Amino acid sequence: MALQIIRELCTACGDCEPLCPTQSISAWKGVYRIDAGTCSECEGDGEPGLPQCLDVCMEEDCIVPA
């Protein structure tokens, strides 16, 4: 499974991008997006059960399951 960023809620702060262990988060059309093909939801990286991008995102419901 992978995560996705809701474009309308993303503030383009960029806090999530450097934390992604699979480099799945990138800038796209003024906001950020997650590549579903490489996103592992941080399984095996960081705290179990909590993707690192979710932990740092300030906007509620901005990052959700794809």
N, C-alpha and C. Protein backbone atom coordinates (compact mmCIF):
# COMPACT_ATOMS: atom_id res chain seq x y z
N MET A 1 0.84 -1.18 0.00
CA MET A 1 0.00 0.00 0.00
C MET A 1 0.88 1.24 0.00
N ALA A 2 0.32 2.35 -0.40
CA ALA A 2 1.06 3.61 -0.47
C ALA A 2 0.20 4.74 0.06
N LEU A 3 0.83 5.87 0.24
CA LEU A 3 0.14 7.07 0.69
C LEU A 3 0.03 8.05 -0.46
N GLN A 4 -0.86 9.02 -0.31
CA GLN A 4 -0.96 10.10 -1.30
C GLN A 4 -1.15 11.42 -0.58
N ILE A 5 -0.74 12.48 -1.23
CA ILE A 5 -0.91 13.82 -0.69
C ILE A 5 -2.10 14.47 -1.40
N ILE A 6 -3.03 14.98 -0.63
CA ILE A 6 -4.18 15.67 -1.18
C ILE A 6 -3.73 17.07 -1.61
N ARG A 7 -3.74 17.29 -2.90
CA ARG A 7 -3.21 18.53 -3.49
C ARG A 7 -3.85 19.78 -2.88
N GLU A 8 -5.14 19.77 -2.67
CA GLU A 8 -5.84 20.95 -2.16
C GLU A 8 -5.47 21.27 -0.71
N LEU A 9 -4.93 20.30 0.02
CA LEU A 9 -4.57 20.53 1.42
C LEU A 9 -3.08 20.78 1.62
N CYS A 10 -2.27 20.44 0.63
CA CYS A 10 -0.82 20.60 0.75
C CYS A 10 -0.46 22.08 0.72
N THR A 11 0.34 22.50 1.70
CA THR A 11 0.78 23.90 1.77
C THR A 11 2.16 24.08 1.13
N ALA A 12 2.72 23.00 0.59
CA ALA A 12 4.04 23.03 -0.06
C ALA A 12 5.15 23.45 0.90
N CYS A 13 5.00 23.10 2.17
CA CYS A 13 6.02 23.47 3.16
C CYS A 13 7.33 22.70 2.92
N GLY A 14 7.22 21.49 2.37
CA GLY A 14 8.41 20.70 2.07
C GLY A 14 8.97 19.90 3.22
N ASP A 15 8.33 19.93 4.37
CA ASP A 15 8.84 19.21 5.54
C ASP A 15 8.89 17.69 5.32
N CYS A 16 7.99 17.17 4.53
CA CYS A 16 7.90 15.73 4.34
C CYS A 16 8.99 15.18 3.41
N GLU A 17 9.38 15.93 2.41
CA GLU A 17 10.29 15.43 1.37
C GLU A 17 11.61 14.89 1.92
N PRO A 18 12.36 15.62 2.74
CA PRO A 18 13.66 15.09 3.18
C PRO A 18 13.56 13.90 4.14
N LEU A 19 12.39 13.68 4.74
CA LEU A 19 12.23 12.57 5.68
C LEU A 19 11.93 11.24 5.02
N CYS A 20 11.51 11.25 3.77
CA CYS A 20 11.08 10.03 3.09
C CYS A 20 12.28 9.12 2.82
N PRO A 21 12.30 7.92 3.45
CA PRO A 21 13.45 7.03 3.27
C PRO A 21 13.54 6.41 1.88
N THR A 22 12.44 6.45 1.11
CA THR A 22 12.46 5.88 -0.24
C THR A 22 12.48 6.97 -1.32
N GLN A 23 12.64 8.23 -0.93
CA GLN A 23 12.64 9.37 -1.85
C GLN A 23 11.41 9.35 -2.76
N SER A 24 10.26 8.98 -2.19
CA SER A 24 9.01 8.90 -2.94
C SER A 24 8.27 10.22 -3.00
N ILE A 25 8.68 11.21 -2.23
CA ILE A 25 8.00 12.50 -2.19
C ILE A 25 8.80 13.51 -3.00
N SER A 26 8.10 14.20 -3.90
CA SER A 26 8.77 15.20 -4.73
C SER A 26 7.83 16.36 -5.01
N ALA A 27 8.42 17.50 -5.36
CA ALA A 27 7.64 18.67 -5.73
C ALA A 27 6.96 18.39 -7.06
N TRP A 28 5.70 18.89 -7.17
CA TRP A 28 4.93 18.66 -8.39
C TRP A 28 3.86 19.72 -8.51
N LYS A 29 3.96 20.55 -9.51
CA LYS A 29 2.98 21.60 -9.80
C LYS A 29 2.68 22.50 -8.59
N GLY A 30 3.71 22.94 -7.91
CA GLY A 30 3.55 23.88 -6.80
C GLY A 30 3.26 23.26 -5.45
N VAL A 31 3.05 21.95 -5.39
CA VAL A 31 2.84 21.25 -4.12
C VAL A 31 3.71 19.99 -4.14
N TYR A 32 3.40 19.02 -3.32
CA TYR A 32 4.17 17.78 -3.28
C TYR A 32 3.29 16.59 -3.63
N ARG A 33 3.93 15.53 -4.08
CA ARG A 33 3.22 14.29 -4.39
C ARG A 33 4.05 13.12 -3.92
N ILE A 34 3.38 11.97 -3.79
CA ILE A 34 4.04 10.73 -3.38
C ILE A 34 3.94 9.74 -4.52
N ASP A 35 5.06 9.15 -4.89
CA ASP A 35 5.09 8.12 -5.93
C ASP A 35 4.61 6.81 -5.31
N ALA A 36 3.42 6.37 -5.70
CA ALA A 36 2.82 5.16 -5.13
C ALA A 36 3.63 3.91 -5.47
N GLY A 37 4.41 3.97 -6.53
CA GLY A 37 5.22 2.83 -6.92
C GLY A 37 6.41 2.56 -6.01
N THR A 38 6.85 3.59 -5.30
CA THR A 38 8.01 3.40 -4.42
C THR A 38 7.71 3.62 -2.94
N CYS A 39 6.54 4.20 -2.62
CA CYS A 39 6.17 4.45 -1.22
C CYS A 39 5.95 3.13 -0.49
N SER A 40 6.63 2.97 0.62
CA SER A 40 6.50 1.75 1.44
C SER A 40 5.78 2.03 2.75
N GLU A 41 5.26 3.26 2.90
CA GLU A 41 4.67 3.72 4.16
C GLU A 41 5.67 3.56 5.31
N CYS A 42 6.94 3.65 4.98
CA CYS A 42 8.06 3.57 5.93
C CYS A 42 8.14 2.23 6.64
N GLU A 43 7.59 1.20 6.04
CA GLU A 43 7.68 -0.13 6.66
C GLU A 43 9.15 -0.52 6.75
N GLY A 44 9.59 -0.80 7.95
CA GLY A 44 10.98 -1.14 8.19
C GLY A 44 11.86 0.07 8.46
N ASP A 45 11.32 1.26 8.31
CA ASP A 45 12.06 2.50 8.57
C ASP A 45 11.30 3.32 9.59
N GLY A 46 11.99 3.91 10.52
CA GLY A 46 11.32 4.76 11.50
C GLY A 46 10.50 3.98 12.50
N GLU A 47 9.54 4.67 13.10
CA GLU A 47 8.69 4.06 14.13
C GLU A 47 7.66 3.14 13.48
N PRO A 48 7.53 1.91 13.98
CA PRO A 48 6.59 0.96 13.37
C PRO A 48 5.16 1.51 13.32
N GLY A 49 4.53 1.35 12.15
CA GLY A 49 3.14 1.74 12.00
C GLY A 49 2.89 3.22 11.80
N LEU A 50 3.95 4.04 11.75
CA LEU A 50 3.75 5.48 11.58
C LEU A 50 4.69 6.00 10.49
N PRO A 51 4.16 6.22 9.27
CA PRO A 51 4.99 6.80 8.22
C PRO A 51 5.55 8.16 8.65
N GLN A 52 6.79 8.40 8.32
CA GLN A 52 7.46 9.62 8.76
C GLN A 52 6.81 10.89 8.22
N CYS A 53 6.26 10.84 7.00
CA CYS A 53 5.61 12.04 6.44
C CYS A 53 4.36 12.41 7.23
N LEU A 54 3.63 11.41 7.70
CA LEU A 54 2.43 11.68 8.50
C LEU A 54 2.81 12.34 9.82
N ASP A 55 3.93 11.93 10.37
CA ASP A 55 4.37 12.45 11.66
C ASP A 55 4.74 13.93 11.57
N VAL A 56 5.25 14.36 10.43
CA VAL A 56 5.72 15.74 10.30
C VAL A 56 4.70 16.69 9.66
N CYS A 57 3.73 16.17 8.95
CA CYS A 57 2.76 17.02 8.23
C CYS A 57 1.88 17.79 9.21
N MET A 58 1.79 19.10 8.98
CA MET A 58 1.00 19.97 9.86
C MET A 58 -0.47 20.02 9.49
N GLU A 59 -0.80 19.61 8.27
CA GLU A 59 -2.17 19.70 7.78
C GLU A 59 -2.93 18.38 8.00
N GLU A 60 -4.01 18.45 8.73
CA GLU A 60 -4.81 17.25 9.01
C GLU A 60 -5.41 16.70 7.71
N ASP A 61 -5.31 15.40 7.55
CA ASP A 61 -5.86 14.68 6.38
C ASP A 61 -5.22 15.07 5.06
N CYS A 62 -4.03 15.65 5.08
CA CYS A 62 -3.34 15.99 3.85
C CYS A 62 -2.70 14.75 3.24
N ILE A 63 -2.18 13.86 4.07
CA ILE A 63 -1.56 12.63 3.60
C ILE A 63 -2.45 11.47 4.03
N VAL A 64 -2.93 10.72 3.04
CA VAL A 64 -3.90 9.66 3.28
C VAL A 64 -3.51 8.41 2.49
N PRO A 65 -4.10 7.25 2.84
CA PRO A 65 -3.84 6.04 2.04
C PRO A 65 -4.30 6.24 0.60
N ALA A 66 -3.54 5.70 -0.31
CA ALA A 66 -3.88 5.82 -1.74
C ALA A 66 -4.97 4.85 -2.11
